[in-house]
C-alpha atoms as a PDB file:
ATOM      1  CA  UNK A   1       0.000   0.000   0.000  1.00  0.00           C
ATOM      2  CA  UNK A   2       1.236   3.515  -0.832  1.00  0.00           C
ATOM      3  CA  UNK A   3       1.405   5.152   2.608  1.00  0.00           C
ATOM      4  CA  UNK A   4       1.016   8.550   0.964  1.00  0.00           C
ATOM      5  CA  UNK A   5      -2.579   7.625   0.101  1.00  0.00           C
ATOM      6  CA  UNK A   6      -3.309   6.954   3.761  1.00  0.00           C
ATOM      7  CA  UNK A   7      -1.830  10.335   4.680  1.00  0.00           C
ATOM      8  CA  UNK A   8      -3.897  11.975   1.947  1.00  0.00           C
ATOM      9  CA  UNK A   9      -7.103  10.297   3.177  1.00  0.00           C
ATOM     10  CA  UNK A  10      -6.461  11.456   6.723  1.00  0.00           C
ATOM     11  CA  UNK A  11      -5.984  15.057   5.554  1.00  0.00           C
ATOM     12  CA  UNK A  12      -9.230  14.839   3.543  1.00  0.00           C
ATOM     13  CA  UNK A  13     -11.183  13.515   6.525  1.00  0.00           C
ATOM     14  CA  UNK A  14      -9.801  16.041   9.006  1.00  0.00           C
ATOM     15  CA  UNK A  15      -9.252  18.950   6.574  1.00  0.00           C
ATOM     16  CA  UNK A  16      -6.249  19.743   8.732  1.00  0.00           C
ATOM     17  CA  UNK A  17      -2.552  18.975   8.205  1.00  0.00           C
ATOM     18  CA  UNK A  18      -1.871  19.346  11.922  1.00  0.00           C
ATOM     19  CA  UNK A  19      -4.709  17.027  12.984  1.00  0.00           C
ATOM     20  CA  UNK A  20      -3.712  14.469  10.372  1.00  0.00           C
ATOM     21  CA  UNK A  21      -0.146  14.549  11.676  1.00  0.00           C
ATOM     22  CA  UNK A  22      -1.402  13.863  15.232  1.00  0.00           C
ATOM     23  CA  UNK A  23      -3.689  11.021  14.110  1.00  0.00           C
ATOM     24  CA  UNK A  24      -0.884   9.364  12.131  1.00  0.00           C
ATOM     25  CA  UNK A  25       1.900  10.129  14.637  1.00  0.00           C
ATOM     26  CA  UNK A  26       3.870  12.035  11.982  1.00  0.00           C
ATOM     27  CA  UNK A  27       5.390  15.497  11.974  1.00  0.00           C
ATOM     28  CA  UNK A  28       3.423  18.150  10.133  1.00  0.00           C
ATOM     29  CA  UNK A  29       6.298  18.696   7.634  1.00  0.00           C
ATOM     30  CA  UNK A  30       6.196  14.950   6.880  1.00  0.00           C
ATOM     31  CA  UNK A  31       2.467  15.156   6.123  1.00  0.00           C
ATOM     32  CA  UNK A  32       3.030  18.166   3.857  1.00  0.00           C
ATOM     33  CA  UNK A  33       5.860  16.290   2.089  1.00  0.00           C
ATOM     34  CA  UNK A  34       3.633  13.278   1.353  1.00  0.00           C
ATOM     35  CA  UNK A  35       0.887  15.502  -0.075  1.00  0.00           C
ATOM     36  CA  UNK A  36       3.417  17.436  -2.171  1.00  0.00           C
ATOM     37  CA  UNK A  37       4.794  14.183  -3.578  1.00  0.00           C
ATOM     38  CA  UNK A  38       1.296  13.070  -4.615  1.00  0.00           C
ATOM     39  CA  UNK A  39       0.654  16.430  -6.272  1.00  0.00           C
ATOM     40  CA  UNK A  40       3.918  16.117  -8.205  1.00  0.00           C
ATOM     41  CA  UNK A  41       3.184  12.508  -9.169  1.00  0.00           C
ATOM     42  CA  UNK A  42      -0.279  13.272 -10.584  1.00  0.00           C
ATOM     43  CA  UNK A  43       0.542  16.847 -11.637  1.00  0.00           C
ATOM     44  CA  UNK A  44      -2.522  18.300  -9.904  1.00  0.00           C
ATOM     45  CA  UNK A  45      -3.270  20.484  -6.886  1.00  0.00           C
ATOM     46  CA  UNK A  46      -5.059  18.493  -4.190  1.00  0.00           C
ATOM     47  CA  UNK A  47      -5.861  21.214  -1.636  1.00  0.00           C
ATOM     48  CA  UNK A  48      -6.466  24.954  -1.633  1.00  0.00           C
ATOM     49  CA  UNK A  49      -5.403  26.949   1.407  1.00  0.00           C
ATOM     50  CA  UNK A  50      -7.979  29.446   2.738  1.00  0.00           C
ATOM     51  CA  UNK A  51      -6.552  31.488   5.637  1.00  0.00           C
ATOM     52  CA  UNK A  52      -6.291  28.954   8.470  1.00  0.00           C
ATOM     53  CA  UNK A  53      -8.240  26.205   6.705  1.00  0.00           C
ATOM     54  CA  UNK A  54      -7.836  24.000   3.648  1.00  0.00           C
ATOM     55  CA  UNK A  55     -10.338  22.928   1.016  1.00  0.00           C
ATOM     56  CA  UNK A  56     -10.086  19.862  -1.207  1.00  0.00           C
ATOM     57  CA  UNK A  57      -9.946  20.586  -4.936  1.00  0.00           C
ATOM     58  CA  UNK A  58     -11.875  18.834  -7.690  1.00  0.00           C
ATOM     59  CA  UNK A  59      -8.779  16.781  -8.505  1.00  0.00           C
ATOM     60  CA  UNK A  60      -8.455  15.986  -4.815  1.00  0.00           C
ATOM     61  CA  UNK A  61     -12.021  14.649  -4.787  1.00  0.00           C
ATOM     62  CA  UNK A  62     -11.143  12.390  -7.724  1.00  0.00           C
ATOM     63  CA  UNK A  63      -8.057  11.037  -5.978  1.00  0.00           C
ATOM     64  CA  UNK A  64     -10.040  10.515  -2.755  1.00  0.00           C
ATOM     65  CA  UNK A  65     -12.529   8.338  -4.682  1.00  0.00           C
ATOM     66  CA  UNK A  66      -9.739   6.067  -5.955  1.00  0.00           C
ATOM     67  CA  UNK A  67      -7.753   6.165  -2.714  1.00  0.00           C
ATOM     68  CA  UNK A  68     -10.784   4.892  -0.780  1.00  0.00           C
ATOM     69  CA  UNK A  69     -11.101   1.951  -3.181  1.00  0.00           C
ATOM     70  CA  UNK A  70      -7.396   1.137  -2.986  1.00  0.00           C
ATOM     71  CA  UNK A  71      -7.274   1.305   0.824  1.00  0.00           C
ATOM     72  CA  UNK A  72     -10.443  -0.776   1.155  1.00  0.00           C
ATOM     73  CA  UNK A  73      -9.038  -3.488  -1.126  1.00  0.00           C
ATOM     74  CA  UNK A  74      -5.841  -3.512   0.914  1.00  0.00           C
ATOM     75  CA  UNK A  75      -7.779  -3.952   4.162  1.00  0.00           C
ATOM     76  CA  UNK A  76      -9.993  -6.645   2.618  1.00  0.00           C
ATOM     77  CA  UNK A  77      -6.914  -8.612   1.525  1.00  0.00           C
ATOM     78  CA  UNK A  78      -5.350  -8.250   4.962  1.00  0.00           C
ATOM     79  CA  UNK A  79      -8.550  -9.307   6.725  1.00  0.00           C
ATOM     80  CA  UNK A  80      -9.004 -12.257   4.368  1.00  0.00           C
ATOM     81  CA  UNK A  81      -5.668 -13.813   5.242  1.00  0.00           C
ATOM     82  CA  UNK A  82      -6.071 -13.020   8.928  1.00  0.00           C
ATOM     83  CA  UNK A  83      -9.438 -14.791   8.853  1.00  0.00           C
ATOM     84  CA  UNK A  84      -7.834 -17.861   7.264  1.00  0.00           C
ATOM     85  CA  UNK A  85      -5.457 -17.963  10.226  1.00  0.00           C
ATOM     86  CA  UNK A  86      -8.341 -17.282  12.654  1.00  0.00           C
ATOM     87  CA  UNK A  87      -6.646 -14.061  13.678  1.00  0.00           C
ATOM     88  CA  UNK A  88      -7.984 -10.540  14.029  1.00  0.00           C
ATOM     89  CA  UNK A  89      -6.354  -7.331  12.731  1.00  0.00           C
ATOM     90  CA  UNK A  90      -3.924  -5.572  15.048  1.00  0.00           C
ATOM     91  CA  UNK A  91      -6.515  -2.846  15.630  1.00  0.00           C
ATOM     92  CA  UNK A  92     -10.322  -3.126  15.656  1.00  0.00           C
ATOM     93  CA  UNK A  93     -12.318   0.048  16.203  1.00  0.00           C
ATOM     94  CA  UNK A  94     -15.964  -0.549  17.129  1.00  0.00           C
ATOM     95  CA  UNK A  95     -18.655   2.107  17.290  1.00  0.00           C
ATOM     96  CA  UNK A  96     -21.716   2.057  19.529  1.00  0.00           C
ATOM     97  CA  UNK A  97     -24.569   4.341  20.465  1.00  0.00           C
ATOM     98  CA  UNK A  98     -24.744   5.468  24.097  1.00  0.00           C
ATOM     99  CA  UNK A  99     -26.740   2.742  25.882  1.00  0.00           C
ATOM    100  CA  UNK A 100     -25.024  -0.044  23.952  1.00  0.00           C
ATOM    101  CA  UNK A 101     -21.560   1.409  24.604  1.00  0.00           C
ATOM    102  CA  UNK A 102     -22.176   1.698  28.312  1.00  0.00           C
ATOM    103  CA  UNK A 103     -24.000  -1.530  29.150  1.00  0.00           C
ATOM    104  CA  UNK A 104     -23.742  -4.042  26.297  1.00  0.00           C
ATOM    105  CA  UNK A 105     -20.380  -3.830  24.528  1.00  0.00           C
ATOM    106  CA  UNK A 106     -17.889  -3.894  27.482  1.00  0.00           C
ATOM    107  CA  UNK A 107     -18.555  -7.533  28.594  1.00  0.00           C
ATOM    108  CA  UNK A 108     -18.059  -8.714  25.000  1.00  0.00           C
ATOM    109  CA  UNK A 109     -14.853  -6.686  24.655  1.00  0.00           C
ATOM    110  CA  UNK A 110     -13.548  -8.357  27.802  1.00  0.00           C
ATOM    111  CA  UNK A 111     -14.166 -11.802  26.284  1.00  0.00           C
ATOM    112  CA  UNK A 112     -12.659 -10.754  22.955  1.00  0.00           C
ATOM    113  CA  UNK A 113      -9.513  -9.453  24.648  1.00  0.00           C
ATOM    114  CA  UNK A 114      -9.025 -12.781  26.428  1.00  0.00           C
ATOM    115  CA  UNK A 115      -9.226 -14.678  23.144  1.00  0.00           C
ATOM    116  CA  UNK A 116      -7.286 -12.167  21.033  1.00  0.00           C
ATOM    117  CA  UNK A 117      -4.725 -10.523  23.351  1.00  0.00           C
ATOM    118  CA  UNK A 118      -2.695  -9.320  20.361  1.00  0.00           C
ATOM    119  CA  UNK A 119      -5.519  -7.150  19.046  1.00  0.00           C
ATOM    120  CA  UNK A 120      -6.036  -3.594  20.236  1.00  0.00           C
ATOM    121  CA  UNK A 121      -9.775  -2.969  20.616  1.00  0.00           C
ATOM    122  CA  UNK A 122     -11.202   0.519  20.941  1.00  0.00           C
ATOM    123  CA  UNK A 123     -14.771   1.719  21.381  1.00  0.00           C
ATOM    124  CA  UNK A 124     -16.182   4.951  19.955  1.00  0.00           C
ATOM    125  CA  UNK A 125     -19.318   6.194  21.695  1.00  0.00           C
ATOM    126  CA  UNK A 126     -21.668   8.610  19.902  1.00  0.00           C
ATOM    127  CA  UNK A 127     -25.289   8.964  18.842  1.00  0.00           C
ATOM    128  CA  UNK A 128     -26.540   6.628  16.119  1.00  0.00           C
ATOM    129  CA  UNK A 129     -26.417   9.227  13.345  1.00  0.00           C
ATOM    130  CA  UNK A 130     -22.768  10.075  13.999  1.00  0.00           C
ATOM    131  CA  UNK A 131     -21.821   6.405  14.315  1.00  0.00           C
ATOM    132  CA  UNK A 132     -23.379   5.681  10.916  1.00  0.00           C
ATOM    133  CA  UNK A 133     -21.446   8.603   9.413  1.00  0.00           C
ATOM    134  CA  UNK A 134     -18.178   7.267  10.842  1.00  0.00           C
ATOM    135  CA  UNK A 135     -18.813   3.859   9.232  1.00  0.00           C
ATOM    136  CA  UNK A 136     -19.446   5.547   5.872  1.00  0.00           C
ATOM    137  CA  UNK A 137     -16.095   7.321   6.218  1.00  0.00           C
ATOM    138  CA  UNK A 138     -14.267   4.077   7.109  1.00  0.00           C
ATOM    139  CA  UNK A 139     -13.401   5.337  10.578  1.00  0.00           C
ATOM    140  CA  UNK A 140     -14.949   2.241  12.223  1.00  0.00           C
ATOM    141  CA  UNK A 141     -14.712  -1.476  11.466  1.00  0.00           C
ATOM    142  CA  UNK A 142     -18.402  -1.870  12.318  1.00  0.00           C
ATOM    143  CA  UNK A 143     -20.840  -0.699  14.975  1.00  0.00           C
ATOM    144  CA  UNK A 144     -23.854  -1.478  17.132  1.00  0.00           C
ATOM    145  CA  UNK A 145     -26.705   1.006  17.225  1.00  0.00           C
ATOM    146  CA  UNK A 146     -30.313   1.193  18.323  1.00  0.00           C
ATOM    147  CA  UNK A 147     -33.468   1.832  16.363  1.00  0.00           C
ATOM    148  CA  UNK A 148     -32.095   2.919  12.980  1.00  0.00           C
ATOM    149  CA  UNK A 149     -31.930   0.858   9.785  1.00  0.00           C
ATOM    150  CA  UNK A 150     -32.638   3.193   6.892  1.00  0.00           C
ATOM    151  CA  UNK A 151     -29.242   4.254   5.471  1.00  0.00           C
ATOM    152  CA  UNK A 152     -28.950   2.602   2.013  1.00  0.00           C
ATOM    153  CA  UNK A 153     -25.135   2.684   2.182  1.00  0.00           C
ATOM    154  CA  UNK A 154     -25.105   0.440   5.248  1.00  0.00           C
ATOM    155  CA  UNK A 155     -26.010  -3.150   6.084  1.00  0.00           C
ATOM    156  CA  UNK A 156     -28.055  -3.774   9.240  1.00  0.00           C
ATOM    157  CA  UNK A 157     -28.292  -7.093  11.043  1.00  0.00           C
ATOM    158  CA  UNK A 158     -30.459  -7.384  14.135  1.00  0.00           C
ATOM    159  CA  UNK A 159     -28.514  -8.326  17.249  1.00  0.00           C
ATOM    160  CA  UNK A 160     -31.186  -8.359  19.948  1.00  0.00           C
ATOM    161  CA  UNK A 161     -34.148  -6.425  21.318  1.00  0.00           C
ATOM    162  CA  UNK A 162     -33.729  -3.892  24.059  1.00  0.00           C
ATOM    163  CA  UNK A 163     -36.722  -3.083  26.234  1.00  0.00           C
ATOM    164  CA  UNK A 164     -37.436   0.116  28.133  1.00  0.00           C
ATOM    165  CA  UNK A 165     -38.829  -0.907  31.497  1.00  0.00           C
ATOM    166  CA  UNK A 166     -40.407   1.167  34.261  1.00  0.00           C
ATOM    167  CA  UNK A 167     -38.299   0.867  37.415  1.00  0.00           C
ATOM    168  CA  UNK A 168     -38.205   2.295  40.906  1.00  0.00           C
ATOM    169  CA  UNK A 169     -36.255   1.624  44.094  1.00  0.00           C
ATOM    170  CA  UNK A 170     -37.283  -1.640  45.784  1.00  0.00           C
ATOM    171  CA  UNK A 171     -38.234   0.156  48.980  1.00  0.00           C
ATOM    172  CA  UNK A 172     -41.103   1.877  47.140  1.00  0.00           C
ATOM    173  CA  UNK A 173     -43.603  -0.903  47.758  1.00  0.00           C
ATOM    174  CA  UNK A 174     -46.002  -1.083  44.839  1.00  0.00           C
ATOM    175  CA  UNK A 175     -48.069  -3.640  43.005  1.00  0.00           C
ATOM    176  CA  UNK A 176     -46.044  -5.530  40.415  1.00  0.00           C
ATOM    177  CA  UNK A 177     -48.486  -4.452  37.708  1.00  0.00           C
ATOM    178  CA  UNK A 178     -50.328  -1.185  37.043  1.00  0.00           C
ATOM    179  CA  UNK A 179     -52.560   0.290  34.344  1.00  0.00           C
ATOM    180  CA  UNK A 180     -51.288   2.917  31.926  1.00  0.00           C
ATOM    181  CA  UNK A 181     -53.550   5.522  33.547  1.00  0.00           C
ATOM    182  CA  UNK A 182     -51.906   4.807  36.925  1.00  0.00           C
ATOM    183  CA  UNK A 183     -48.623   5.947  35.385  1.00  0.00           C
ATOM    184  CA  UNK A 184     -49.919   9.520  35.182  1.00  0.00           C
ATOM    185  CA  UNK A 185     -49.832   9.794  38.986  1.00  0.00           C
ATOM    186  CA  UNK A 186     -46.236   8.674  39.393  1.00  0.00           C
ATOM    187  CA  UNK A 187     -43.320  11.137  39.724  1.00  0.00           C
ATOM    188  CA  UNK A 188     -41.357  10.364  36.559  1.00  0.00           C
ATOM    189  CA  UNK A 189     -37.699  10.977  35.701  1.00  0.00           C
ATOM    190  CA  UNK A 190     -36.979  11.311  31.976  1.00  0.00           C
ATOM    191  CA  UNK A 191     -33.979  11.923  29.735  1.00  0.00           C
ATOM    192  CA  UNK A 192     -33.074  15.278  28.209  1.00  0.00           C
ATOM    193  CA  UNK A 193     -34.532  16.666  24.975  1.00  0.00           C
ATOM    194  CA  UNK A 194     -32.836  15.035  21.985  1.00  0.00           C
ATOM    195  CA  UNK A 195     -32.203  11.725  23.746  1.00  0.00           C
ATOM    196  CA  UNK A 196     -33.083   8.663  21.653  1.00  0.00           C
ATOM    197  CA  UNK A 197     -34.529   6.960  24.731  1.00  0.00           C
ATOM    198  CA  UNK A 198     -36.791   9.913  25.424  1.00  0.00           C
ATOM    199  CA  UNK A 199     -37.900  10.091  21.792  1.00  0.00           C
ATOM    200  CA  UNK A 200     -38.866   6.401  21.773  1.00  0.00           C
ATOM    201  CA  UNK A 201     -40.711   6.773  25.086  1.00  0.00           C
ATOM    202  CA  UNK A 202     -42.684   9.822  23.972  1.00  0.00           C
ATOM    203  CA  UNK A 203     -43.603   8.249  20.625  1.00  0.00           C
ATOM    204  CA  UNK A 204     -44.805   5.039  22.248  1.00  0.00           C
ATOM    205  CA  UNK A 205     -46.829   6.908  24.874  1.00  0.00           C
ATOM    206  CA  UNK A 206     -48.340   9.142  22.174  1.00  0.00           C
ATOM    207  CA  UNK A 207     -49.537   6.049  20.302  1.00  0.00           C
ATOM    208  CA  UNK A 208     -51.244   4.977  23.521  1.00  0.00           C
ATOM    209  CA  UNK A 209     -52.952   8.395  23.791  1.00  0.00           C
ATOM    210  CA  UNK A 210     -50.676   9.938  26.438  1.00  0.00           C
ATOM    211  CA  UNK A 211     -48.917  13.239  25.802  1.00  0.00           C
ATOM    212  CA  UNK A 212     -45.841  14.550  27.602  1.00  0.00           C
ATOM    213  CA  UNK A 213     -47.903  17.248  29.345  1.00  0.00           C
ATOM    214  CA  UNK A 214     -50.074  14.488  30.850  1.00  0.00           C
ATOM    215  CA  UNK A 215     -47.100  13.060  32.716  1.00  0.00           C
ATOM    216  CA  UNK A 216     -46.028  14.018  36.230  1.00  0.00           C
ATOM    217  CA  UNK A 217     -42.407  14.952  35.376  1.00  0.00           C
ATOM    218  CA  UNK A 218     -40.334  15.086  38.541  1.00  0.00           C
ATOM    219  CA  UNK A 219     -36.883  15.521  36.994  1.00  0.00           C
ATOM    220  CA  UNK A 220     -35.056  15.672  33.636  1.00  0.00           C
ATOM    221  CA  UNK A 221     -31.541  14.197  33.640  1.00  0.00           C
ATOM    222  CA  UNK A 222     -28.848  13.730  31.013  1.00  0.00           C
ATOM    223  CA  UNK A 223     -27.830  10.085  31.376  1.00  0.00           C
ATOM    224  CA  UNK A 224     -29.124   6.696  32.501  1.00  0.00           C
ATOM    225  CA  UNK A 225     -26.578   6.556  35.311  1.00  0.00           C
ATOM    226  CA  UNK A 226     -27.702   9.914  36.709  1.00  0.00           C
ATOM    227  CA  UNK A 227     -31.309   8.699  36.541  1.00  0.00           C
ATOM    228  CA  UNK A 228     -30.406   5.538  38.443  1.00  0.00           C
ATOM    229  CA  UNK A 229     -28.582   7.522  41.133  1.00  0.00           C
ATOM    230  CA  UNK A 230     -31.609   9.787  41.477  1.00  0.00           C
ATOM    231  CA  UNK A 231     -33.979   6.827  41.811  1.00  0.00           C
ATOM    232  CA  UNK A 232     -31.856   5.352  44.620  1.00  0.00           C
ATOM    233  CA  UNK A 233     -32.546   8.484  46.682  1.00  0.00           C
ATOM    234  CA  UNK A 234     -36.169   9.256  45.801  1.00  0.00           C
ATOM    235  CA  UNK A 235     -39.593   7.632  45.423  1.00  0.00           C
ATOM    236  CA  UNK A 236     -39.568   8.420  41.679  1.00  0.00           C
ATOM    237  CA  UNK A 237     -39.847   6.169  38.626  1.00  0.00           C
ATOM    238  CA  UNK A 238     -38.154   6.028  35.225  1.00  0.00           C
ATOM    239  CA  UNK A 239     -38.126   4.137  31.939  1.00  0.00           C
ATOM    240  CA  UNK A 240     -34.635   2.761  31.305  1.00  0.00           C
ATOM    241  CA  UNK A 241     -33.013   0.050  29.196  1.00  0.00           C
ATOM    242  CA  UNK A 242     -33.347  -3.393  30.765  1.00  0.00           C
ATOM    243  CA  UNK A 243     -29.610  -3.861  30.179  1.00  0.00           C
ATOM    244  CA  UNK A 244     -28.831  -0.853  32.363  1.00  0.00           C
ATOM    245  CA  UNK A 245     -30.462  -2.392  35.457  1.00  0.00           C
ATOM    246  CA  UNK A 246     -29.576  -6.095  35.247  1.00  0.00           C
ATOM    247  CA  UNK A 247     -27.167  -5.859  38.188  1.00  0.00           C
ATOM    248  CA  UNK A 248     -29.548  -3.647  40.189  1.00  0.00           C
ATOM    249  CA  UNK A 249     -32.343  -6.186  39.736  1.00  0.00           C
ATOM    250  CA  UNK A 250     -30.038  -9.035  40.695  1.00  0.00           C
ATOM    251  CA  UNK A 251     -29.138  -7.242  43.936  1.00  0.00           C
ATOM    252  CA  UNK A 252     -32.766  -6.214  44.517  1.00  0.00           C
ATOM    253  CA  UNK A 253     -32.029  -2.497  44.453  1.00  0.00           C
ATOM    254  CA  UNK A 254     -34.649  -1.854  41.766  1.00  0.00           C
ATOM    255  CA  UNK A 255     -37.954  -3.449  40.887  1.00  0.00           C
ATOM    256  CA  UNK A 256     -39.685  -3.510  37.514  1.00  0.00           C
ATOM    257  CA  UNK A 257     -43.266  -2.283  37.385  1.00  0.00           C
ATOM    258  CA  UNK A 258     -45.205  -3.961  34.585  1.00  0.00           C
ATOM    259  CA  UNK A 259     -47.781  -1.869  32.751  1.00  0.00           C
ATOM    260  CA  UNK A 260     -50.803  -3.792  31.510  1.00  0.00           C
ATOM    261  CA  UNK A 261     -50.967  -4.126  27.707  1.00  0.00           C
ATOM    262  CA  UNK A 262     -48.017  -1.780  27.237  1.00  0.00           C
ATOM    263  CA  UNK A 263     -44.378  -2.402  26.355  1.00  0.00           C
ATOM    264  CA  UNK A 264     -41.549  -0.488  24.689  1.00  0.00           C
ATOM    265  CA  UNK A 265     -39.085  -2.534  22.665  1.00  0.00           C
ATOM    266  CA  UNK A 266     -36.407  -1.328  20.298  1.00  0.00           C
ATOM    267  CA  UNK A 267     -34.134  -3.411  18.058  1.00  0.00           C
ATOM    268  CA  UNK A 268     -30.364  -3.202  18.327  1.00  0.00           C
ATOM    269  CA  UNK A 269     -28.363  -3.698  15.128  1.00  0.00           C
ATOM    270  CA  UNK A 270     -24.906  -4.667  13.956  1.00  0.00           C
ATOM    271  CA  UNK A 271     -24.032  -2.136  11.244  1.00  0.00           C
ATOM    272  CA  UNK A 272     -21.365  -2.263   8.541  1.00  0.00           C
ATOM    273  CA  UNK A 273     -20.713  -0.678   5.182  1.00  0.00           C
ATOM    274  CA  UNK A 274     -22.828  -2.125   2.363  1.00  0.00           C
ATOM    275  CA  UNK A 275     -20.858  -4.771   0.466  1.00  0.00           C
ATOM    276  CA  UNK A 276     -17.623  -4.179   2.408  1.00  0.00           C
ATOM    277  CA  UNK A 277     -18.131  -6.032   5.659  1.00  0.00           C
ATOM    278  CA  UNK A 278     -14.868  -7.195   7.221  1.00  0.00           C
ATOM    279  CA  UNK A 279     -14.328 -10.942   7.026  1.00  0.00           C
ATOM    280  CA  UNK A 280     -13.609 -11.084  10.764  1.00  0.00           C
ATOM    281  CA  UNK A 281     -17.020  -9.539  11.482  1.00  0.00           C
ATOM    282  CA  UNK A 282     -18.806 -12.896  11.988  1.00  0.00           C
ATOM    283  CA  UNK A 283     -16.057 -14.009  14.347  1.00  0.00           C
ATOM    284  CA  UNK A 284     -16.534 -10.979  16.577  1.00  0.00           C
ATOM    285  CA  UNK A 285     -20.313 -11.102  16.286  1.00  0.00           C
ATOM    286  CA  UNK A 286     -20.371 -14.571  17.859  1.00  0.00           C
ATOM    287  CA  UNK A 287     -18.684 -13.203  20.984  1.00  0.00           C
ATOM    288  CA  UNK A 288     -21.493 -10.689  21.396  1.00  0.00           C
ATOM    289  CA  UNK A 289     -24.153 -13.385  21.078  1.00  0.00           C
ATOM    290  CA  UNK A 290     -22.400 -15.740  23.473  1.00  0.00           C
ATOM    291  CA  UNK A 291     -21.699 -13.051  26.061  1.00  0.00           C
ATOM    292  CA  UNK A 292     -25.283 -11.838  26.178  1.00  0.00           C
ATOM    293  CA  UNK A 293     -26.823 -15.271  26.168  1.00  0.00           C
ATOM    294  CA  UNK A 294     -24.873 -15.848  29.397  1.00  0.00           C
ATOM    295  CA  UNK A 295     -26.101 -12.583  30.911  1.00  0.00           C
ATOM    296  CA  UNK A 296     -29.797 -12.985  30.127  1.00  0.00           C
END
């Protein structure tokens, strides 16, 4: 592989010589030298400088198109022969949306690291939209996200179903099952505006005829962990991912309150680039299935 193409791709993706140099552990003059050599080789200008920023030229866009193909073929060849040896690449970067990154991926990464100690695994946590964008730009090997499967450039494979369950501290003695109308009386803790969990909750409640203004909102918090900490100290209730409270249920710190004829499920997906899935993907995927079959 021509390393200059990798340098060029990094400059395109960051639109910064200095950031590209940091990402590739090169000096900035070395990055500039590689770009200059490519410009001399193809007799074109690849970037235009604009004050403190750079902009890719039309010729640069053309080279980026071919460079992506060349780099992808190189990685496919490398992954193919690693798969034949039942090895993984030296580095595997996995993406995951927030809930999955916090509660689902880590146990599988622990098992993977035991089996493949020579591989460096890293996890990128972001919202689903940004994770999908990073896959498109070849910044991630693959990812796990929740509730999205509409990008035609990507392949989605269902991993499992997550369920949002209503929980409260065990000390708040309550019947194990309530009606949906009973919910309106409970002090409820919800996620912040823009949260995927909140969006799913509000949409599902709206379908059941309940609007946000009908709810008795006690508190709005920015993460599942902050919600859990709040519930430990109050008589409030919240809808959270079942995976976020498995340990709390096991130690009887929380109880689930069933709501008659009402449930909120959302699918979780493995996501990869359409037609370019890494050959080691199935190998890693099995670890996720095995790990979570043990947990559930």
